[in-house]
N, C-alpha and C. Protein backbone atom coordinates (compact mmCIF):
# COMPACT_ATOMS: atom_id res chain seq x y z
N MET A 1 0.91 -1.45 0.35
CA MET A 1 -0.47 0.24 -0.23
C MET A 1 1.08 1.08 -0.30
N SER A 2 0.35 2.16 -0.80
CA SER A 2 0.87 3.68 -0.67
C SER A 2 0.60 4.70 -0.04
N MET A 3 1.27 5.34 0.52
CA MET A 3 1.06 6.77 2.11
C MET A 3 1.40 7.64 0.78
N LEU A 4 0.60 7.96 -0.13
CA LEU A 4 1.00 9.09 -1.61
C LEU A 4 2.65 9.30 -0.43
N ASN A 5 3.44 8.75 -0.59
CA ASN A 5 5.28 9.29 -0.72
C ASN A 5 4.85 10.14 0.71
N TRP A 6 3.50 10.27 1.56
CA TRP A 6 3.72 11.16 3.05
C TRP A 6 5.88 10.35 4.29
N ARG A 7 5.70 11.08 4.35
CA ARG A 7 7.38 10.78 5.51
C ARG A 7 7.14 11.73 6.60
N ARG A 8 7.21 11.23 7.17
CA ARG A 8 7.64 12.00 8.00
C ARG A 8 9.20 12.93 8.18
N ASP A 9 9.20 14.02 8.12
CA ASP A 9 9.96 14.98 9.27
C ASP A 9 10.67 15.14 10.19
N PRO A 10 11.26 14.46 10.93
CA PRO A 10 11.86 14.88 12.01
C PRO A 10 12.12 16.21 11.90
N VAL A 11 13.15 16.91 11.92
CA VAL A 11 13.18 18.53 11.94
C VAL A 11 11.90 19.42 11.69
N ARG A 12 11.03 19.20 10.66
CA ARG A 12 9.85 20.13 10.95
C ARG A 12 9.17 19.37 11.82
N GLU A 13 9.06 18.14 12.27
CA GLU A 13 8.13 18.19 14.17
C GLU A 13 8.54 18.71 14.45
N MET A 14 9.93 18.99 14.87
CA MET A 14 10.59 19.77 15.82
C MET A 14 10.25 21.38 16.03
N GLN A 15 10.55 21.41 14.62
CA GLN A 15 10.28 23.30 14.63
C GLN A 15 8.57 23.33 14.86
N ILE A 16 7.56 22.72 14.92
CA ILE A 16 6.00 22.82 14.92
C ILE A 16 6.30 22.64 16.85
N GLU A 17 6.76 21.61 17.37
CA GLU A 17 7.29 21.24 18.86
C GLU A 17 7.28 22.86 19.12
N LEU A 18 8.21 23.32 18.77
CA LEU A 18 8.85 24.50 19.32
C LEU A 18 8.67 25.73 19.08
N SER A 19 7.36 25.59 17.90
CA SER A 19 6.58 26.68 17.62
C SER A 19 5.33 26.69 18.71
N GLU A 20 5.29 26.21 18.58
CA GLU A 20 3.64 26.12 19.77
C GLU A 20 3.92 25.81 20.89
N GLN A 21 5.43 25.22 21.70
CA GLN A 21 5.17 25.92 23.75
C GLN A 21 6.72 27.12 23.26
N ARG A 22 6.86 27.94 22.06
CA ARG A 22 6.97 28.85 22.10
C ARG A 22 5.73 30.04 22.02
N THR A 23 4.41 29.32 21.32
CA THR A 23 3.66 29.65 22.20
C THR A 23 2.20 30.05 23.12
N LYS A 24 2.10 28.94 23.50
CA LYS A 24 2.25 28.83 24.68
C LYS A 24 2.46 29.10 25.41
N GLN A 25 3.96 29.60 25.51
CA GLN A 25 4.33 30.64 26.69
C GLN A 25 4.24 32.13 26.41
N LEU A 26 3.61 32.70 25.03
CA LEU A 26 3.81 34.22 25.11
C LEU A 26 2.31 34.72 25.17
N ARG A 27 1.47 33.12 25.13
CA ARG A 27 0.03 32.98 26.00
C ARG A 27 -0.34 33.98 27.31
N SER A 28 0.91 32.74 27.97
CA SER A 28 0.74 33.14 29.02
C SER A 28 1.71 34.31 29.74
N GLU A 29 2.46 34.71 29.78
CA GLU A 29 3.48 35.80 29.78
C GLU A 29 2.43 37.33 29.39
N THR A 30 1.62 36.64 28.15
CA THR A 30 0.28 37.86 27.62
C THR A 30 -0.52 38.36 28.95
N GLU A 31 -1.30 36.74 29.23
CA GLU A 31 -1.83 36.95 30.03
C GLU A 31 -1.35 38.05 31.09
N ARG A 32 0.21 37.34 31.71
CA ARG A 32 0.39 37.61 32.74
C ARG A 32 0.78 39.71 32.72
N ILE A 33 1.01 39.68 31.59
CA ILE A 33 1.73 41.26 31.69
C ILE A 33 0.02 41.95 32.03
N GLU A 34 -1.41 41.11 31.43
CA GLU A 34 -2.25 41.76 31.61
C GLU A 34 -3.20 42.10 32.87
N LYS A 35 -2.64 41.55 33.86
CA LYS A 35 -2.25 41.08 35.05
C LYS A 35 -2.83 42.62 35.76
N GLU A 36 -0.71 42.29 35.30
CA GLU A 36 0.08 42.85 35.61
C GLU A 36 -0.06 44.60 34.87
N ILE A 37 -1.48 44.46 34.11
CA ILE A 37 -1.43 46.17 34.28
C ILE A 37 -3.27 46.00 34.53
N GLU A 38 -3.91 45.27 34.81
CA GLU A 38 -4.40 45.92 35.33
C GLU A 38 -4.59 45.72 37.07
N GLN A 39 -3.27 45.57 38.10
CA GLN A 39 -3.16 46.76 38.85
C GLN A 39 -2.06 47.06 38.61
N LEU A 40 -1.45 48.01 37.37
CA LEU A 40 -1.21 49.03 37.88
C LEU A 40 -2.32 50.69 37.70
N LYS A 41 -3.67 50.05 37.11
CA LYS A 41 -4.58 50.70 36.56
C LYS A 41 -4.90 50.43 37.89
N ARG A 42 -5.18 49.50 38.86
CA ARG A 42 -5.64 50.26 40.14
C ARG A 42 -4.48 50.91 40.47
N ASP A 43 -3.68 50.89 40.84
CA ASP A 43 -2.81 51.19 42.06
C ASP A 43 -2.33 52.94 41.39
N ASN A 44 -2.28 52.81 40.01
CA ASN A 44 -2.73 54.58 39.71
C ASN A 44 -3.62 55.75 39.96
N ALA A 45 -5.01 54.61 39.71
CA ALA A 45 -6.26 55.11 40.33
C ALA A 45 -6.18 55.64 41.79
N LEU A 46 -5.64 55.16 42.54
CA LEU A 46 -5.47 54.93 43.93
C LEU A 46 -4.60 56.34 44.30
N LEU A 47 -3.13 56.22 43.83
CA LEU A 47 -2.62 57.87 43.44
C LEU A 47 -3.10 58.84 43.34
N SER A 48 -3.81 58.71 41.90
CA SER A 48 -4.36 60.07 41.79
C SER A 48 -5.69 60.76 43.25
N TRP A 49 -6.34 59.17 43.41
CA TRP A 49 -7.15 59.28 44.39
C TRP A 49 -6.62 60.26 45.77
N MET A 50 -5.33 59.37 46.17
CA MET A 50 -4.56 60.00 47.20
C MET A 50 -3.63 61.79 47.08
N HIS A 51 -3.50 62.39 45.41
CA HIS A 51 -3.56 63.37 45.33
C HIS A 51 -4.36 64.34 45.78
N SER A 52 -5.45 63.82 44.89
CA SER A 52 -5.54 65.09 44.93
C SER A 52 -6.95 64.63 46.36
N GLU A 53 -6.79 64.04 47.10
CA GLU A 53 -6.80 63.85 48.89
C GLU A 53 -5.83 65.17 49.65
N ILE A 54 -5.18 65.08 49.26
CA ILE A 54 -4.33 66.37 49.91
C ILE A 54 -3.78 67.19 49.38
N ASP A 55 -4.42 67.72 47.99
CA ASP A 55 -4.83 68.74 47.18
C ASP A 55 -5.92 69.41 48.31
N LEU A 56 -6.52 68.89 48.14
CA LEU A 56 -8.42 69.50 49.55
C LEU A 56 -7.10 69.85 50.82
N ILE A 57 -6.36 68.54 51.03
CA ILE A 57 -6.15 68.76 52.48
C ILE A 57 -4.96 70.59 52.64
N GLU A 58 -4.14 70.34 52.15
CA GLU A 58 -3.59 71.85 52.05
C GLU A 58 -4.37 72.35 51.33
N ALA A 59 -4.59 72.56 50.61
CA ALA A 59 -5.58 73.77 50.47
C ALA A 59 -7.24 73.86 51.37
N ASP A 60 -7.06 72.87 53.20
CA ASP A 60 -7.25 73.54 53.71
C ASP A 60 -9.70 73.02 53.78
N LEU A 61 -9.21 72.28 53.03
CA LEU A 61 -10.88 71.61 52.59
C LEU A 61 -10.85 70.81 53.36
N PRO A 62 -12.47 70.45 52.91
CA PRO A 62 -12.54 68.97 54.27
C PRO A 62 -12.52 68.09 53.12
N SER A 63 -11.92 66.86 53.15
CA SER A 63 -11.47 65.62 52.54
C SER A 63 -13.42 64.54 51.50
N SER A 64 -12.53 64.52 51.02
CA SER A 64 -14.47 64.17 49.98
C SER A 64 -14.86 62.85 50.08
N SER A 65 -15.72 62.31 50.64
CA SER A 65 -16.41 61.46 51.13
C SER A 65 -15.80 60.22 49.73
N THR A 66 -15.56 60.27 48.83
CA THR A 66 -15.59 59.48 48.04
C THR A 66 -14.57 58.07 48.81
N PRO A 67 -14.39 56.66 49.03
CA PRO A 67 -13.43 56.30 49.45
C PRO A 67 -12.30 55.86 48.30
N PRO A 68 -11.15 56.08 48.69
CA PRO A 68 -9.79 55.50 47.94
C PRO A 68 -10.64 53.99 46.46
N PRO A 69 -9.97 53.97 45.59
CA PRO A 69 -10.38 53.08 44.32
C PRO A 69 -10.69 51.92 44.96
N ALA A 70 -9.23 51.34 45.38
CA ALA A 70 -8.54 50.80 45.30
C ALA A 70 -9.34 49.75 46.91
N ILE A 71 -10.24 49.95 47.55
CA ILE A 71 -11.06 49.63 48.04
C ILE A 71 -12.39 48.67 47.76
N ALA A 72 -12.68 49.82 46.50
CA ALA A 72 -13.38 49.62 45.77
C ALA A 72 -13.33 48.69 45.04
N ALA A 73 -11.85 48.63 44.02
CA ALA A 73 -11.95 47.51 43.05
C ALA A 73 -11.92 45.84 43.99
N ARG A 74 -11.18 46.14 45.61
CA ARG A 74 -11.12 44.84 46.29
C ARG A 74 -12.03 44.36 46.61
N SER A 75 -13.11 45.72 47.03
CA SER A 75 -14.59 45.11 47.12
C SER A 75 -15.19 44.35 45.98
N SER A 76 -14.81 44.52 45.11
CA SER A 76 -15.62 44.01 43.85
C SER A 76 -14.87 42.60 43.48
N ASP A 77 -13.53 42.96 43.67
CA ASP A 77 -13.09 41.36 43.62
C ASP A 77 -13.39 39.82 44.04
N TYR A 78 -14.02 40.19 44.87
CA TYR A 78 -14.55 39.63 46.43
C TYR A 78 -16.23 38.69 44.78
């Protein structure tokens, strides 16, 4: 029986396997970076809120009644 001249190409198979591993690694790294970006956004929001609060204190104005964004973000994670 003929296999239509199909032959295994070990080098090509290794290249494909390495490409698949690299793709998996890149997906994992992308996911990690996306989580880090979200954390940085939360941190930035908190710092911005803190800056606003400091500006109010320095101007002898009452503090805002809004809670820090990180507290709101953490409570929504549950």
